[in-house]
Amino acid sequence: MPMYDYLCKRCGPFTLMRPMAECELEADCPACARSSPRIIMTAPQLSTLSHERRSAAAANERSAHAPRTLSEVKTAHRPGCACCIGKQSRPGRHGRNGAKSFPAKRPWMISH
């Protein structure tokens, strides 16, 4: 269910979770019960998003104006840190026919 912003003339802005069908209707202020019009203060949010997705979206919004460069990321993390595990390149071999293999990892898998 989406969350909408409203502005009470007496109490100020507040946010309510309402069905999409009621998005254009006025809402009663939770403090003084006065009918208040909807305003657009922030981008629409859906409360059904998981915490991880909301956190990722918030991080993307915070860093959109100044993305970090690769050198900044490398200095911020040490080898083998929890956020970079599994992202290192794996050594592989290339056969005469161009097939790639990883002899130390999964010898039973066929390369494509």
PDB file of N, CA and C in Angstrom:
ATOM      1  N   MET A   1       0.851  -1.168   0.000  1.00  0.00           N
ATOM      2  CA  MET A   1       0.000   0.000   0.000  1.00  0.00           C
ATOM      3  C   MET A   1       0.905   1.241   0.000  1.00  0.00           C
ATOM      4  N   PRO A   2       0.639   2.231  -0.842  1.00  0.00           N
ATOM      5  CA  PRO A   2       1.488   3.417  -0.920  1.00  0.00           C
ATOM      6  C   PRO A   2       1.308   4.355   0.266  1.00  0.00           C
ATOM      7  N   MET A   3       2.340   5.136   0.481  1.00  0.00           N
ATOM      8  CA  MET A   3       2.310   6.152   1.544  1.00  0.00           C
ATOM      9  C   MET A   3       2.220   7.517   0.870  1.00  0.00           C
ATOM     10  N   TYR A   4       1.360   8.384   1.388  1.00  0.00           N
ATOM     11  CA  TYR A   4       1.143   9.700   0.811  1.00  0.00           C
ATOM     12  C   TYR A   4       1.400  10.767   1.871  1.00  0.00           C
ATOM     13  N   ASP A   5       1.836  11.949   1.404  1.00  0.00           N
ATOM     14  CA  ASP A   5       2.090  13.085   2.288  1.00  0.00           C
ATOM     15  C   ASP A   5       0.896  14.033   2.238  1.00  0.00           C
ATOM     16  N   TYR A   6       0.572  14.565   3.394  1.00  0.00           N
ATOM     17  CA  TYR A   6      -0.525  15.533   3.519  1.00  0.00           C
ATOM     18  C   TYR A   6      -0.031  16.715   4.340  1.00  0.00           C
ATOM     19  N   LEU A   7      -0.701  17.866   4.187  1.00  0.00           N
ATOM     20  CA  LEU A   7      -0.310  19.073   4.917  1.00  0.00           C
ATOM     21  C   LEU A   7      -1.494  19.631   5.678  1.00  0.00           C
ATOM     22  N   CYS A   8      -1.400  19.570   6.993  1.00  0.00           N
ATOM     23  CA  CYS A   8      -2.419  20.164   7.868  1.00  0.00           C
ATOM     24  C   CYS A   8      -2.029  21.622   8.103  1.00  0.00           C
ATOM     25  N   LYS A   9      -2.962  22.535   7.936  1.00  0.00           N
ATOM     26  CA  LYS A   9      -2.656  23.959   8.116  1.00  0.00           C
ATOM     27  C   LYS A   9      -2.312  24.285   9.563  1.00  0.00           C
ATOM     28  N   ARG A  10      -2.802  23.497  10.483  1.00  0.00           N
ATOM     29  CA  ARG A  10      -2.550  23.758  11.895  1.00  0.00           C
ATOM     30  C   ARG A  10      -1.325  22.990  12.416  1.00  0.00           C
ATOM     31  N   CYS A  11      -1.190  21.714  12.066  1.00  0.00           N
ATOM     32  CA  CYS A  11      -0.149  20.855  12.654  1.00  0.00           C
ATOM     33  C   CYS A  11       1.079  20.645  11.757  1.00  0.00           C
ATOM     34  N   GLY A  12       0.955  20.879  10.456  1.00  0.00           N
ATOM     35  CA  GLY A  12       2.081  20.675   9.551  1.00  0.00           C
ATOM     36  C   GLY A  12       1.942  19.388   8.751  1.00  0.00           C
ATOM     37  N   PRO A  13       3.040  18.959   8.102  1.00  0.00           N
ATOM     38  CA  PRO A  13       2.966  17.777   7.235  1.00  0.00           C
ATOM     39  C   PRO A  13       2.891  16.475   8.021  1.00  0.00           C
ATOM     40  N   PHE A  14       2.226  15.476   7.409  1.00  0.00           N
ATOM     41  CA  PHE A  14       2.170  14.132   7.972  1.00  0.00           C
ATOM     42  C   PHE A  14       2.040  13.135   6.827  1.00  0.00           C
ATOM     43  N   THR A  15       2.344  11.880   7.114  1.00  0.00           N
ATOM     44  CA  THR A  15       2.325  10.825   6.108  1.00  0.00           C
ATOM     45  C   THR A  15       1.354   9.734   6.527  1.00  0.00           C
ATOM     46  N   LEU A  16       0.564   9.244   5.559  1.00  0.00           N
ATOM     47  CA  LEU A  16      -0.384   8.166   5.825  1.00  0.00           C
ATOM     48  C   LEU A  16      -0.261   7.083   4.760  1.00  0.00           C
ATOM     49  N   MET A  17      -0.546   5.863   5.145  1.00  0.00           N
ATOM     50  CA  MET A  17      -0.601   4.746   4.219  1.00  0.00           C
ATOM     51  C   MET A  17      -2.071   4.568   3.828  1.00  0.00           C
ATOM     52  N   ARG A  18      -2.337   4.674   2.512  1.00  0.00           N
ATOM     53  CA  ARG A  18      -3.709   4.595   2.031  1.00  0.00           C
ATOM     54  C   ARG A  18      -3.766   3.804   0.735  1.00  0.00           C
ATOM     55  N   PRO A  19      -4.919   3.253   0.384  1.00  0.00           N
ATOM     56  CA  PRO A  19      -5.063   2.562  -0.899  1.00  0.00           C
ATOM     57  C   PRO A  19      -4.901   3.549  -2.064  1.00  0.00           C
ATOM     58  N   MET A  20      -4.452   3.032  -3.190  1.00  0.00           N
ATOM     59  CA  MET A  20      -4.254   3.888  -4.363  1.00  0.00           C
ATOM     60  C   MET A  20      -5.556   4.536  -4.838  1.00  0.00           C
ATOM     61  N   ALA A  21      -6.651   3.877  -4.613  1.00  0.00           N
ATOM     62  CA  ALA A  21      -7.940   4.421  -5.035  1.00  0.00           C
ATOM     63  C   ALA A  21      -8.290   5.702  -4.274  1.00  0.00           C
ATOM     64  N   GLU A  22      -7.688   5.913  -3.115  1.00  0.00           N
ATOM     65  CA  GLU A  22      -7.980   7.092  -2.294  1.00  0.00           C
ATOM     66  C   GLU A  22      -6.872   8.130  -2.357  1.00  0.00           C
ATOM     67  N   CYS A  23      -6.010   8.062  -3.371  1.00  0.00           N
ATOM     68  CA  CYS A  23      -4.851   8.951  -3.414  1.00  0.00           C
ATOM     69  C   CYS A  23      -5.225  10.423  -3.574  1.00  0.00           C
ATOM     70  N   GLU A  24      -6.305  10.734  -4.259  1.00  0.00           N
ATOM     71  CA  GLU A  24      -6.683  12.128  -4.498  1.00  0.00           C
ATOM     72  C   GLU A  24      -7.573  12.706  -3.389  1.00  0.00           C
ATOM     73  N   LEU A  25      -8.069  11.860  -2.497  1.00  0.00           N
ATOM     74  CA  LEU A  25      -8.955  12.333  -1.435  1.00  0.00           C
ATOM     75  C   LEU A  25      -8.169  12.992  -0.311  1.00  0.00           C
ATOM     76  N   GLU A  26      -8.815  13.915   0.372  1.00  0.00           N
ATOM     77  CA  GLU A  26      -8.188  14.536   1.535  1.00  0.00           C
ATOM     78  C   GLU A  26      -8.189  13.543   2.694  1.00  0.00           C
ATOM     79  N   ALA A  27      -7.270  13.765   3.652  1.00  0.00           N
ATOM     80  CA  ALA A  27      -7.172  12.871   4.808  1.00  0.00           C
ATOM     81  C   ALA A  27      -7.281  13.686   6.090  1.00  0.00           C
ATOM     82  N   ASP A  28      -7.764  13.041   7.147  1.00  0.00           N
ATOM     83  CA  ASP A  28      -7.865  13.712   8.442  1.00  0.00           C
ATOM     84  C   ASP A  28      -6.517  13.693   9.139  1.00  0.00           C
ATOM     85  N   CYS A  29      -6.125  14.820   9.691  1.00  0.00           N
ATOM     86  CA  CYS A  29      -4.874  14.940  10.433  1.00  0.00           C
ATOM     87  C   CYS A  29      -4.937  14.044  11.666  1.00  0.00           C
ATOM     88  N   PRO A  30      -3.892  13.248  11.939  1.00  0.00           N
ATOM     89  CA  PRO A  30      -3.938  12.369  13.113  1.00  0.00           C
ATOM     90  C   PRO A  30      -3.906  13.127  14.439  1.00  0.00           C
ATOM     91  N   ALA A  31      -3.428  14.376  14.438  1.00  0.00           N
ATOM     92  CA  ALA A  31      -3.341  15.142  15.689  1.00  0.00           C
ATOM     93  C   ALA A  31      -4.627  15.912  15.984  1.00  0.00           C
ATOM     94  N   CYS A  32      -5.164  16.622  14.973  1.00  0.00           N
ATOM     95  CA  CYS A  32      -6.326  17.475  15.242  1.00  0.00           C
ATOM     96  C   CYS A  32      -7.585  17.056  14.488  1.00  0.00           C
ATOM     97  N   ALA A  33      -7.506  16.022  13.654  1.00  0.00           N
ATOM     98  CA  ALA A  33      -8.635  15.487  12.878  1.00  0.00           C
ATOM     99  C   ALA A  33      -9.181  16.471  11.852  1.00  0.00           C
ATOM    100  N   ARG A  34      -8.397  17.450  11.459  1.00  0.00           N
ATOM    101  CA  ARG A  34      -8.799  18.429  10.447  1.00  0.00           C
ATOM    102  C   ARG A  34      -8.541  17.840   9.058  1.00  0.00           C
ATOM    103  N   SER A  35      -9.426  18.052   8.120  1.00  0.00           N
ATOM    104  CA  SER A  35      -9.270  17.554   6.759  1.00  0.00           C
ATOM    105  C   SER A  35      -8.112  18.286   6.085  1.00  0.00           C
ATOM    106  N   SER A  36      -7.170  17.514   5.509  1.00  0.00           N
ATOM    107  CA  SER A  36      -5.948  18.094   4.939  1.00  0.00           C
ATOM    108  C   SER A  36      -5.739  17.607   3.514  1.00  0.00           C
ATOM    109  N   PRO A  37      -5.271  18.485   2.612  1.00  0.00           N
ATOM    110  CA  PRO A  37      -5.033  18.089   1.225  1.00  0.00           C
ATOM    111  C   PRO A  37      -3.718  17.327   1.076  1.00  0.00           C
ATOM    112  N   ARG A  38      -3.647  16.542   0.035  1.00  0.00           N
ATOM    113  CA  ARG A  38      -2.421  15.798  -0.265  1.00  0.00           C
ATOM    114  C   ARG A  38      -1.400  16.731  -0.902  1.00  0.00           C
ATOM    115  N   ILE A  39      -0.147  16.559  -0.520  1.00  0.00           N
ATOM    116  CA  ILE A  39       0.951  17.306  -1.129  1.00  0.00           C
ATOM    117  C   ILE A  39       1.999  16.302  -1.597  1.00  0.00           C
ATOM    118  N   ILE A  40       2.908  16.733  -2.442  1.00  0.00           N
ATOM    119  CA  ILE A  40       3.989  15.862  -2.892  1.00  0.00           C
ATOM    120  C   ILE A  40       5.293  16.435  -2.346  1.00  0.00           C
ATOM    121  N   MET A  41       5.760  15.847  -1.246  1.00  0.00           N
ATOM    122  CA  MET A  41       7.026  16.271  -0.625  1.00  0.00           C
ATOM    123  C   MET A  41       8.164  15.351  -1.029  1.00  0.00           C
ATOM    124  N   THR A  42       7.888  14.067  -1.131  1.00  0.00           N
ATOM    125  CA  THR A  42       8.908  13.085  -1.475  1.00  0.00           C
ATOM    126  C   THR A  42       8.389  12.198  -2.602  1.00  0.00           C
ATOM    127  N   ALA A  43       9.271  11.401  -3.144  1.00  0.00           N
ATOM    128  CA  ALA A  43       8.865  10.461  -4.180  1.00  0.00           C
ATOM    129  C   ALA A  43       7.942   9.411  -3.568  1.00  0.00           C
ATOM    130  N   PRO A  44       7.015   8.880  -4.328  1.00  0.00           N
ATOM    131  CA  PRO A  44       6.111   7.847  -3.792  1.00  0.00           C
ATOM    132  C   PRO A  44       6.888   6.639  -3.278  1.00  0.00           C
ATOM    133  N   GLN A  45       6.422   6.065  -2.188  1.00  0.00           N
ATOM    134  CA  GLN A  45       7.058   4.907  -1.576  1.00  0.00           C
ATOM    135  C   GLN A  45       6.030   3.799  -1.441  1.00  0.00           C
ATOM    136  N   LEU A  46       6.489   2.575  -1.571  1.00  0.00           N
ATOM    137  CA  LEU A  46       5.607   1.442  -1.349  1.00  0.00           C
ATOM    138  C   LEU A  46       6.046   0.733  -0.081  1.00  0.00           C
ATOM    139  N   SER A  47       5.134   0.519   0.811  1.00  0.00           N
ATOM    140  CA  SER A  47       5.478  -0.103   2.090  1.00  0.00           C
ATOM    141  C   SER A  47       5.708  -1.602   1.956  1.00  0.00           C
ATOM    142  N   THR A  48       5.421  -2.181   0.794  1.00  0.00           N
ATOM    143  CA  THR A  48       5.608  -3.623   0.633  1.00  0.00           C
ATOM    144  C   THR A  48       7.041  -4.003   0.270  1.00  0.00           C
ATOM    145  N   LEU A  49       7.910  -3.026   0.061  1.00  0.00           N
ATOM    146  CA  LEU A  49       9.304  -3.328  -0.244  1.00  0.00           C
ATOM    147  C   LEU A  49       9.996  -3.904   0.981  1.00  0.00           C
ATOM    148  N   SER A  50      10.907  -4.822   0.749  1.00  0.00           N
ATOM    149  CA  SER A  50      11.656  -5.397   1.858  1.00  0.00           C
ATOM    150  C   SER A  50      12.646  -4.365   2.403  1.00  0.00           C
ATOM    151  N   HIS A  51      13.121  -4.597   3.615  1.00  0.00           N
ATOM    152  CA  HIS A  51      14.082  -3.689   4.236  1.00  0.00           C
ATOM    153  C   HIS A  51      15.341  -3.570   3.387  1.00  0.00           C
ATOM    154  N   GLU A  52      15.814  -4.676   2.827  1.00  0.00           N
ATOM    155  CA  GLU A  52      17.030  -4.659   2.016  1.00  0.00           C
ATOM    156  C   GLU A  52      16.851  -3.793   0.773  1.00  0.00           C
ATOM    157  N   ARG A  53      15.704  -3.921   0.112  1.00  0.00           N
ATOM    158  CA  ARG A  53      15.458  -3.115  -1.091  1.00  0.00           C
ATOM    159  C   ARG A  53      15.347  -1.630  -0.755  1.00  0.00           C
ATOM    160  N   ARG A  54      14.647  -1.310   0.349  1.00  0.00           N
ATOM    161  CA  ARG A  54      14.550   0.092   0.751  1.00  0.00           C
ATOM    162  C   ARG A  54      15.918   0.654   1.090  1.00  0.00           C
ATOM    163  N   SER A  55      16.759  -0.122   1.781  1.00  0.00           N
ATOM    164  CA  SER A  55      18.111   0.327   2.131  1.00  0.00           C
ATOM    165  C   SER A  55      18.953   0.547   0.879  1.00  0.00           C
ATOM    166  N   ALA A  56      18.848  -0.371  -0.079  1.00  0.00           N
ATOM    167  CA  ALA A  56      19.614  -0.237  -1.318  1.00  0.00           C
ATOM    168  C   ALA A  56      19.171   0.993  -2.106  1.00  0.00           C
ATOM    169  N   ALA A  57      17.878   1.211  -2.193  1.00  0.00           N
ATOM    170  CA  ALA A  57      17.368   2.382  -2.911  1.00  0.00           C
ATOM    171  C   ALA A  57      17.808   3.669  -2.225  1.00  0.00           C
ATOM    172  N   ALA A  58      17.772   3.689  -0.898  1.00  0.00           N
ATOM    173  CA  ALA A  58      18.206   4.876  -0.166  1.00  0.00           C
ATOM    174  C   ALA A  58      19.689   5.132  -0.371  1.00  0.00           C
ATOM    175  N   ALA A  59      20.496   4.089  -0.382  1.00  0.00           N
ATOM    176  CA  ALA A  59      21.939   4.250  -0.611  1.00  0.00           C
ATOM    177  C   ALA A  59      22.198   4.775  -2.014  1.00  0.00           C
ATOM    178  N   ASN A  60      21.453   4.267  -2.993  1.00  0.00           N
ATOM    179  CA  ASN A  60      21.612   4.758  -4.367  1.00  0.00           C
ATOM    180  C   ASN A  60      21.239   6.229  -4.472  1.00  0.00           C
ATOM    181  N   GLU A  61      20.182   6.640  -3.810  1.00  0.00           N
ATOM    182  CA  GLU A  61      19.771   8.035  -3.850  1.00  0.00           C
ATOM    183  C   GLU A  61      20.805   8.935  -3.188  1.00  0.00           C
ATOM    184  N   ARG A  62      21.373   8.475  -2.065  1.00  0.00           N
ATOM    185  CA  ARG A  62      22.376   9.289  -1.367  1.00  0.00           C
ATOM    186  C   ARG A  62      23.632   9.473  -2.206  1.00  0.00           C
ATOM    187  N   SER A  63      24.019   8.444  -2.963  1.00  0.00           N
ATOM    188  CA  SER A  63      25.272   8.509  -3.704  1.00  0.00           C
ATOM    189  C   SER A  63      25.093   8.932  -5.156  1.00  0.00           C
ATOM    190  N   ALA A  64      23.894   9.255  -5.583  1.00  0.00           N
ATOM    191  CA  ALA A  64      23.655   9.579  -6.986  1.00  0.00           C
ATOM    192  C   ALA A  64      24.395  10.842  -7.409  1.00  0.00           C
ATOM    193  N   HIS A  65      24.559  11.807  -6.526  1.00  0.00           N
ATOM    194  CA  HIS A  65      25.204  13.059  -6.906  1.00  0.00           C
ATOM    195  C   HIS A  65      26.723  12.940  -6.965  1.00  0.00           C
ATOM    196  N   ALA A  66      27.314  11.982  -6.261  1.00  0.00           N
ATOM    197  CA  ALA A  66      28.772  11.840  -6.241  1.00  0.00           C
ATOM    198  C   ALA A  66      29.150  10.369  -6.128  1.00  0.00           C
ATOM    199  N   PRO A  67      29.105   9.631  -7.226  1.00  0.00           N
ATOM    200  CA  PRO A  67      29.467   8.216  -7.145  1.00  0.00           C
ATOM    201  C   PRO A  67      30.940   8.046  -6.811  1.00  0.00           C
ATOM    202  N   ARG A  68      31.265   6.959  -6.119  1.00  0.00           N
ATOM    203  CA  ARG A  68      32.642   6.698  -5.731  1.00  0.00           C
ATOM    204  C   ARG A  68      33.410   6.075  -6.888  1.00  0.00           C
ATOM    205  N   THR A  69      34.683   6.411  -6.976  1.00  0.00           N
ATOM    206  CA  THR A  69      35.521   5.841  -8.018  1.00  0.00           C
ATOM    207  C   THR A  69      36.084   4.515  -7.540  1.00  0.00           C
ATOM    208  N   LEU A  70      36.661   3.767  -8.456  1.00  0.00           N
ATOM    209  CA  LEU A  70      37.219   2.468  -8.126  1.00  0.00           C
ATOM    210  C   LEU A  70      38.341   2.592  -7.105  1.00  0.00           C
ATOM    211  N   SER A  71      39.177   3.622  -7.225  1.00  0.00           N
ATOM    212  CA  SER A  71      40.272   3.791  -6.260  1.00  0.00           C
ATOM    213  C   SER A  71      39.735   4.077  -4.859  1.00  0.00           C
ATOM    214  N   GLU A  72      38.633   4.794  -4.742  1.00  0.00           N
ATOM    215  CA  GLU A  72      38.029   5.043  -3.437  1.00  0.00           C
ATOM    216  C   GLU A  72      37.462   3.759  -2.835  1.00  0.00           C
ATOM    217  N   VAL A  73      36.882   2.927  -3.665  1.00  0.00           N
ATOM    218  CA  VAL A  73      36.324   1.665  -3.182  1.00  0.00           C
ATOM    219  C   VAL A  73      37.447   0.749  -2.716  1.00  0.00           C
ATOM    220  N   LYS A  74      38.544   0.682  -3.492  1.00  0.00           N
ATOM    221  CA  LYS A  74      39.656  -0.197  -3.131  1.00  0.00           C
ATOM    222  C   LYS A  74      40.304   0.232  -1.819  1.00  0.00           C
ATOM    223  N   THR A  75      40.402   1.537  -1.551  1.00  0.00           N
ATOM    224  CA  THR A  75      41.006   1.981  -0.294  1.00  0.00           C
ATOM    225  C   THR A  75      40.058   1.789   0.875  1.00  0.00           C
ATOM    226  N   ALA A  76      38.767   1.751   0.605  1.00  0.00           N
ATOM    227  CA  ALA A  76      37.795   1.579   1.683  1.00  0.00           C
ATOM    228  C   ALA A  76      37.688   0.126   2.134  1.00  0.00           C
ATOM    229  N   HIS A  77      38.084  -0.809   1.275  1.00  0.00           N
ATOM    230  CA  HIS A  77      37.938  -2.222   1.581  1.00  0.00           C
ATOM    231  C   HIS A  77      39.299  -2.915   1.560  1.00  0.00           C
ATOM    232  N   ARG A  78      39.464  -3.864   2.432  1.00  0.00           N
ATOM    233  CA  ARG A  78      40.681  -4.675   2.416  1.00  0.00           C
ATOM    234  C   ARG A  78      40.370  -6.000   1.724  1.00  0.00           C
ATOM    235  N   PRO A  79      41.371  -6.698   1.232  1.00  0.00           N
ATOM    236  CA  PRO A  79      41.101  -7.962   0.548  1.00  0.00           C
ATOM    237  C   PRO A  79      40.367  -8.957   1.448  1.00  0.00           C
ATOM    238  N   GLY A  80      39.335  -9.562   0.912  1.00  0.00           N
ATOM    239  CA  GLY A  80      38.589 -10.572   1.654  1.00  0.00           C
ATOM    240  C   GLY A  80      37.549 -10.017   2.604  1.00  0.00           C
ATOM    241  N   CYS A  81      37.212  -8.710   2.510  1.00  0.00           N
ATOM    242  CA  CYS A  81      36.193  -8.163   3.414  1.00  0.00           C
ATOM    243  C   CYS A  81      34.832  -8.776   3.068  1.00  0.00           C
ATOM    244  N   ALA A  82      33.895  -8.682   3.977  1.00  0.00           N
ATOM    245  CA  ALA A  82      32.613  -9.362   3.834  1.00  0.00           C
ATOM    246  C   ALA A  82      31.823  -8.897   2.615  1.00  0.00           C
ATOM    247  N   CYS A  83      31.947  -7.637   2.230  1.00  0.00           N
ATOM    248  CA  CYS A  83      31.159  -7.155   1.098  1.00  0.00           C
ATOM    249  C   CYS A  83      31.780  -7.521  -0.240  1.00  0.00           C
ATOM    250  N   CYS A  84      33.031  -7.933  -0.265  1.00  0.00           N
ATOM    251  CA  CYS A  84      33.703  -8.237  -1.534  1.00  0.00           C
ATOM    252  C   CYS A  84      33.951  -9.728  -1.740  1.00  0.00           C
ATOM    253  N   ILE A  85      33.532 -10.573  -0.801  1.00  0.00           N
ATOM    254  CA  ILE A  85      33.765 -12.002  -0.953  1.00  0.00           C
ATOM    255  C   ILE A  85      33.012 -12.508  -2.171  1.00  0.00           C
ATOM    256  N   GLY A  86      33.688 -13.289  -2.971  1.00  0.00           N
ATOM    257  CA  GLY A  86      33.075 -13.852  -4.166  1.00  0.00           C
ATOM    258  C   GLY A  86      33.195 -12.971  -5.388  1.00  0.00           C
ATOM    259  N   LYS A  87      33.766 -11.784  -5.258  1.00  0.00           N
ATOM    260  CA  LYS A  87      33.888 -10.894  -6.397  1.00  0.00           C
ATOM    261  C   LYS A  87      35.287 -10.929  -7.015  1.00  0.00           C
ATOM    262  N   GLN A  88      36.234 -11.640  -6.396  1.00  0.00           N
ATOM    263  CA  GLN A  88      37.568 -11.725  -6.960  1.00  0.00           C
ATOM    264  C   GLN A  88      37.524 -12.622  -8.187  1.00  0.00           C
ATOM    265  N   SER A  89      38.384 -12.325  -9.142  1.00  0.00           N
ATOM    266  CA  SER A  89      38.408 -13.159 -10.339  1.00  0.00           C
ATOM    267  C   SER A  89      39.076 -14.486 -10.017  1.00  0.00           C
ATOM    268  N   ARG A  90      38.576 -15.530 -10.639  1.00  0.00           N
ATOM    269  CA  ARG A  90      39.117 -16.866 -10.403  1.00  0.00           C
ATOM    270  C   ARG A  90      40.114 -17.215 -11.495  1.00  0.00           C
ATOM    271  N   PRO A  91      41.231 -17.821 -11.123  1.00  0.00           N
ATOM    272  CA  PRO A  91      42.180 -18.220 -12.154  1.00  0.00           C
ATOM    273  C   PRO A  91      41.598 -19.369 -12.978  1.00  0.00           C
ATOM    274  N   GLY A  92      41.790 -19.296 -14.260  1.00  0.00           N
ATOM    275  CA  GLY A  92      41.270 -20.339 -15.134  1.00  0.00           C
ATOM    276  C   GLY A  92      42.269 -20.686 -16.203  1.00  0.00           C
ATOM    277  N   ARG A  93      42.004 -21.750 -16.890  1.00  0.00           N
ATOM    278  CA  ARG A  93      42.855 -22.184 -17.999  1.00  0.00           C
ATOM    279  C   ARG A  93      42.039 -22.183 -19.276  1.00  0.00           C
ATOM    280  N   HIS A  94      42.710 -21.874 -20.358  1.00  0.00           N
ATOM    281  CA  HIS A  94      42.074 -21.933 -21.664  1.00  0.00           C
ATOM    282  C   HIS A  94      42.710 -23.063 -22.455  1.00  0.00           C
ATOM    283  N   GLY A  95      41.892 -23.946 -22.959  1.00  0.00           N
ATOM    284  CA  GLY A  95      42.388 -25.062 -23.769  1.00  0.00           C
ATOM    285  C   GLY A  95      42.655 -24.621 -25.201  1.00  0.00           C
ATOM    286  N   ARG A  96      43.151 -25.528 -26.005  1.00  0.00           N
ATOM    287  CA  ARG A  96      43.460 -25.219 -27.409  1.00  0.00           C
ATOM    288  C   ARG A  96      42.216 -24.840 -28.199  1.00  0.00           C
ATOM    289  N   ASN A  97      41.097 -25.405 -27.818  1.00  0.00           N
ATOM    290  CA  ASN A  97      39.860 -25.108 -28.538  1.00  0.00           C
ATOM    291  C   ASN A  97      39.136 -23.870 -27.977  1.00  0.00           C
ATOM    292  N   GLY A  98      39.735 -23.205 -26.993  1.00  0.00           N
ATOM    293  CA  GLY A  98      39.145 -21.990 -26.419  1.00  0.00           C
ATOM    294  C   GLY A  98      38.270 -22.239 -25.221  1.00  0.00           C
ATOM    295  N   ALA A  99      38.086 -23.495 -24.823  1.00  0.00           N
ATOM    296  CA  ALA A  99      37.251 -23.807 -23.664  1.00  0.00           C
ATOM    297  C   ALA A  99      37.959 -23.376 -22.389  1.00  0.00           C
ATOM    298  N   LYS A 100      37.215 -22.812 -21.484  1.00  0.00           N
ATOM    299  CA  LYS A 100      37.777 -22.351 -20.223  1.00  0.00           C
ATOM    300  C   LYS A 100      37.481 -23.380 -19.141  1.00  0.00           C
ATOM    301  N   SER A 101      38.471 -23.623 -18.266  1.00  0.00           N
ATOM    302  CA  SER A 101      38.244 -24.553 -17.162  1.00  0.00           C
ATOM    303  C   SER A 101      38.847 -23.985 -15.895  1.00  0.00           C
ATOM    304  N   PHE A 102      38.302 -24.410 -14.766  1.00  0.00           N
ATOM    305  CA  PHE A 102      38.788 -24.016 -13.450  1.00  0.00           C
ATOM    306  C   PHE A 102      39.194 -25.281 -12.718  1.00  0.00           C
ATOM    307  N   PRO A 103      40.423 -25.728 -12.870  1.00  0.00           N
ATOM    308  CA  PRO A 103      40.811 -27.025 -12.339  1.00  0.00           C
ATOM    309  C   PRO A 103      40.707 -27.146 -10.823  1.00  0.00           C
ATOM    310  N   ALA A 104      40.930 -26.086 -10.090  1.00  0.00           N
ATOM    311  CA  ALA A 104      40.914 -26.178  -8.632  1.00  0.00           C
ATOM    312  C   ALA A 104      39.512 -26.055  -8.052  1.00  0.00           C
ATOM    313  N   LYS A 105      38.540 -25.604  -8.807  1.00  0.00           N
ATOM    314  CA  LYS A 105      37.220 -25.313  -8.252  1.00  0.00           C
ATOM    315  C   LYS A 105      36.238 -26.472  -8.400  1.00  0.00           C
ATOM    316  N   ARG A 106      35.749 -26.713  -9.596  1.00  0.00           N
ATOM    317  CA  ARG A 106      34.717 -27.730  -9.807  1.00  0.00           C
ATOM    318  C   ARG A 106      35.102 -28.581 -11.017  1.00  0.00           C
ATOM    319  N   PRO A 107      35.930 -29.588 -10.816  1.00  0.00           N
ATOM    320  CA  PRO A 107      36.401 -30.367 -11.952  1.00  0.00           C
ATOM    321  C   PRO A 107      35.302 -31.148 -12.653  1.00  0.00           C
ATOM    322  N   TRP A 108      34.172 -31.368 -12.012  1.00  0.00           N
ATOM    323  CA  TRP A 108      33.107 -32.155 -12.624  1.00  0.00           C
ATOM    324  C   TRP A 108      32.241 -31.334 -13.577  1.00  0.00           C
ATOM    325  N   MET A 109      32.378 -29.978 -13.550  1.00  0.00           N
ATOM    326  CA  MET A 109      31.537 -29.127 -14.395  1.00  0.00           C
ATOM    327  C   MET A 109      32.145 -28.985 -15.785  1.00  0.00           C
ATOM    328  N   ILE A 110      31.294 -28.949 -16.778  1.00  0.00           N
ATOM    329  CA  ILE A 110      31.735 -28.779 -18.165  1.00  0.00           C
ATOM    330  C   ILE A 110      31.675 -27.310 -18.499  1.00  0.00           C
ATOM    331  N   SER A 111      32.747 -26.794 -19.079  1.00  0.00           N
ATOM    332  CA  SER A 111      32.803 -25.389 -19.470  1.00  0.00           C
ATOM    333  C   SER A 111      31.976 -25.165 -20.710  1.00  0.00           C
ATOM    334  N   HIS A 112      31.459 -23.922 -20.891  1.00  0.00           N
ATOM    335  CA  HIS A 112      30.730 -23.613 -22.098  1.00  0.00           C
ATOM    336  C   HIS A 112      31.331 -22.447 -22.825  1.00  0.00           C
TER     337      HIS A 112
END
